[in-house]
Amino acid sequence: MAQSLHKVTFEEFQKLQQDQEAIRYELDEGELIEMTPASYEHNRIRGRIEQWLREYPEAQNLGEVVAEMDFRLSSGVVRTPDVSFITAKHLQDIHPKDALLQGAPALAVEIISPSNTASEIVRKRSQYLAAGCQAVWVVYPEKREIEIFRPDDRPLILGEQDSLTDERLFPGLSLPLTYIFAATKR
């Protein structure tokens, strides 16, 4: 991801997002970060995760799943997870026309691209959790693994042969990771 040359305020960030719809940015403690376009593989994995998660929480009145939604995590941080789960309680504070949501989603899913650095992912994960995220899933297409982070828990690493469950957010739901990684080539 490209780094900005100077610090910007949240208000400048908002205006830039409105003025340049073709280019997407995240805001990291005042630094403007240009988001690189996603690959076909990245989009396929995102689509499979989003598809798998979408129906269950809505049917159970738990909340909704969205892709690439902007979340203002703090005064100088705006992040755009690949997939997010928003609880029914959080949805009560959202207007359908909102393009930027206040606070963290309950779940943030980040799919690693070749341009991502380890320090960048650690930073994002920490920002999500500090802002109130209940879980962060970091998906590694090349390794065919998902790391699961929760506040005050040790990370959990799942491989392609495993199934992902999250009883706190999605009680009774199990995702075979073979389904997610069927979107990737070996």
Protein backbone atom coordinates (compact mmCIF):
# COMPACT_ATOMS: atom_id res chain seq x y z
CA MET A 1 0.00 0.00 0.00
CA ALA A 2 1.22 3.49 -0.80
CA GLN A 3 2.04 5.83 2.06
CA SER A 4 0.89 9.44 2.19
CA LEU A 5 3.31 12.35 2.08
CA HIS A 6 1.58 14.41 4.77
CA LYS A 7 -0.90 13.99 7.61
CA VAL A 8 -4.57 14.64 6.89
CA THR A 9 -7.47 15.31 9.19
CA PHE A 10 -10.60 13.19 9.28
CA GLU A 11 -12.52 16.00 7.55
CA GLU A 12 -9.95 16.13 4.72
CA PHE A 13 -10.17 12.35 4.44
CA GLN A 14 -13.97 12.50 4.10
CA LYS A 15 -13.78 15.16 1.40
CA LEU A 16 -11.17 13.19 -0.51
CA GLN A 17 -13.35 10.07 -0.39
CA GLN A 18 -16.25 12.05 -1.85
CA ASP A 19 -14.16 13.80 -4.51
CA GLN A 20 -12.24 10.78 -5.79
CA GLU A 21 -14.65 7.87 -5.90
CA ALA A 22 -12.41 5.77 -8.16
CA ILE A 23 -9.57 5.67 -5.60
CA ARG A 24 -10.25 4.17 -2.15
CA TYR A 25 -8.34 5.14 0.97
CA GLU A 26 -8.02 4.16 4.59
CA LEU A 27 -6.96 6.59 7.29
CA ASP A 28 -4.33 5.43 9.78
CA GLU A 29 -3.66 7.93 12.57
CA GLY A 30 -3.69 10.78 10.07
CA GLU A 31 -1.85 8.92 7.32
CA LEU A 32 -3.76 8.49 4.09
CA ILE A 33 -3.31 4.93 2.78
CA GLU A 34 -4.31 4.21 -0.81
CA MET A 35 -6.00 0.83 -1.12
CA THR A 36 -4.66 -1.31 -3.93
CA PRO A 37 -7.16 -3.01 -6.25
CA ALA A 38 -7.99 -6.56 -5.21
CA SER A 39 -7.07 -9.58 -7.32
CA TYR A 40 -9.55 -12.04 -8.73
CA GLU A 41 -8.54 -14.63 -6.11
CA HIS A 42 -8.96 -12.08 -3.31
CA ASN A 43 -12.44 -11.17 -4.55
CA ARG A 44 -13.47 -14.83 -4.87
CA ILE A 45 -12.43 -15.56 -1.29
CA ARG A 46 -14.17 -12.42 -0.04
CA GLY A 47 -17.31 -13.40 -1.93
CA ARG A 48 -17.33 -16.90 -0.47
CA ILE A 49 -16.90 -15.64 3.09
CA GLU A 50 -19.56 -13.00 2.59
CA GLN A 51 -21.96 -15.50 1.00
CA TRP A 52 -21.42 -18.07 3.74
CA LEU A 53 -21.97 -15.53 6.52
CA ARG A 54 -24.79 -13.46 5.01
CA GLU A 55 -27.90 -15.60 5.46
CA TYR A 56 -27.36 -17.06 8.93
CA PRO A 57 -27.14 -13.85 11.04
CA GLU A 58 -30.00 -12.23 9.15
CA ALA A 59 -32.25 -15.29 9.61
CA GLN A 60 -31.39 -15.38 13.33
CA ASN A 61 -31.83 -11.57 13.73
CA LEU A 62 -28.22 -11.33 14.88
CA GLY A 63 -27.20 -8.59 12.44
CA GLU A 64 -25.92 -8.16 8.89
CA VAL A 65 -22.82 -8.91 6.86
CA VAL A 66 -21.34 -6.30 4.51
CA ALA A 67 -18.28 -6.13 2.27
CA GLU A 68 -15.81 -3.26 2.03
CA MET A 69 -17.66 -0.88 4.35
CA ASP A 70 -15.76 2.03 5.92
CA PHE A 71 -15.65 2.09 9.73
CA ARG A 72 -14.39 5.01 11.79
CA LEU A 73 -12.56 3.23 14.59
CA SER A 74 -11.27 6.39 16.28
CA SER A 75 -10.82 10.08 15.51
CA GLY A 76 -7.90 9.42 13.14
CA VAL A 77 -8.55 5.84 11.99
CA VAL A 78 -10.89 4.67 9.23
CA ARG A 79 -10.56 1.05 8.13
CA THR A 80 -12.32 -0.95 5.41
CA PRO A 81 -12.40 -4.66 6.23
CA ASP A 82 -12.94 -7.01 3.31
CA VAL A 83 -15.98 -8.47 5.12
CA SER A 84 -17.68 -7.25 8.30
CA PHE A 85 -20.44 -8.41 10.59
CA ILE A 86 -22.54 -5.70 12.23
CA THR A 87 -24.70 -6.70 15.19
CA ALA A 88 -28.43 -5.96 15.27
CA LYS A 89 -27.81 -3.53 18.15
CA HIS A 90 -25.19 -1.59 16.13
CA LEU A 91 -27.54 -1.53 13.11
CA GLN A 92 -30.06 0.51 15.14
CA ASP A 93 -27.62 3.45 15.02
CA ILE A 94 -27.02 3.27 11.27
CA HIS A 95 -28.88 5.20 8.61
CA PRO A 96 -29.18 3.28 5.30
CA LYS A 97 -27.49 6.15 3.42
CA ASP A 98 -24.41 6.17 5.70
CA ALA A 99 -21.19 5.64 3.77
CA LEU A 100 -19.03 5.65 6.91
CA LEU A 101 -20.05 3.78 10.04
CA GLN A 102 -19.06 4.90 13.52
CA GLY A 103 -17.32 2.32 15.69
CA ALA A 104 -16.00 -1.13 14.96
CA PRO A 105 -17.92 -4.02 13.44
CA ALA A 106 -18.35 -7.09 15.64
CA LEU A 107 -16.24 -9.03 13.13
CA ALA A 108 -13.62 -7.74 10.71
CA VAL A 109 -12.23 -10.06 8.05
CA GLU A 110 -9.00 -9.10 6.30
CA ILE A 111 -7.80 -11.13 3.31
CA ILE A 112 -4.05 -10.84 2.86
CA SER A 113 -2.76 -9.60 -0.48
CA PRO A 114 0.86 -9.76 -1.69
CA SER A 115 1.15 -6.00 -1.05
CA ASN A 116 0.29 -6.33 2.67
CA THR A 117 3.11 -6.25 5.20
CA ALA A 118 3.10 -8.14 8.50
CA SER A 119 3.37 -4.91 10.50
CA GLU A 120 0.44 -3.39 8.62
CA ILE A 121 -1.76 -6.39 9.43
CA VAL A 122 -0.74 -6.38 13.11
CA ARG A 123 -1.58 -2.68 13.26
CA LYS A 124 -5.00 -3.12 11.62
CA ARG A 125 -5.83 -6.07 13.85
CA SER A 126 -4.87 -4.09 16.95
CA GLN A 127 -6.94 -1.10 15.83
CA TYR A 128 -10.02 -3.26 15.24
CA LEU A 129 -9.76 -4.94 18.63
CA ALA A 130 -9.01 -1.68 20.48
CA ALA A 131 -12.12 -0.13 18.89
CA GLY A 132 -14.36 -2.94 20.15
CA CYS A 133 -14.25 -5.67 17.49
CA GLN A 134 -15.19 -9.01 19.03
CA ALA A 135 -13.18 -10.97 16.47
CA VAL A 136 -10.74 -10.40 13.62
CA TRP A 137 -10.21 -13.09 11.01
CA VAL A 138 -7.02 -12.77 8.95
CA VAL A 139 -7.16 -14.94 5.84
CA TYR A 140 -3.92 -16.09 4.18
CA PRO A 141 -4.76 -17.44 0.70
CA GLU A 142 -1.19 -18.57 -0.04
CA LYS A 143 -0.86 -20.55 3.22
CA ARG A 144 -4.53 -21.60 3.09
CA GLU A 145 -4.93 -20.57 6.73
CA ILE A 146 -7.09 -18.26 8.81
CA GLU A 147 -5.87 -16.66 12.03
CA ILE A 148 -8.59 -15.75 14.52
CA PHE A 149 -8.01 -13.00 17.06
CA ARG A 150 -10.29 -12.04 19.94
CA PRO A 151 -9.75 -9.61 22.79
CA ASP A 152 -7.88 -11.26 25.67
CA ASP A 153 -7.57 -14.63 23.87
CA ARG A 154 -4.61 -16.31 22.27
CA PRO A 155 -4.70 -16.39 18.47
CA LEU A 156 -6.14 -19.48 16.84
CA ILE A 157 -4.74 -20.72 13.52
CA LEU A 158 -6.96 -22.89 11.34
CA GLY A 159 -5.85 -24.75 8.23
CA GLU A 160 -7.70 -25.82 5.13
CA GLN A 161 -8.74 -29.12 6.74
CA ASP A 162 -10.43 -27.33 9.68
CA SER A 163 -13.87 -25.79 10.14
CA LEU A 164 -14.30 -22.32 11.52
CA THR A 165 -16.84 -21.79 14.29
CA ASP A 166 -17.53 -18.71 16.41
CA GLU A 167 -20.11 -19.48 19.07
CA ARG A 168 -20.02 -15.90 20.40
CA LEU A 169 -21.02 -14.29 17.11
CA PHE A 170 -22.62 -17.13 15.12
CA PRO A 171 -23.84 -19.87 17.50
CA GLY A 172 -24.32 -23.17 15.72
CA LEU A 173 -22.65 -22.12 12.46
CA SER A 174 -19.63 -23.98 11.08
CA LEU A 175 -17.65 -23.06 7.97
CA PRO A 176 -15.47 -25.73 6.34
CA LEU A 177 -12.36 -23.91 5.18
CA THR A 178 -12.19 -26.15 2.13
CA TYR A 179 -15.16 -24.08 0.89
CA ILE A 180 -13.23 -20.81 1.33
CA PHE A 181 -9.99 -22.07 -0.16
CA ALA A 182 -11.69 -23.78 -3.10
CA ALA A 183 -11.50 -20.26 -4.53
CA THR A 184 -7.69 -20.41 -4.60
CA LYS A 185 -5.35 -22.34 -6.83
CA ARG A 186 -2.49 -24.37 -5.44
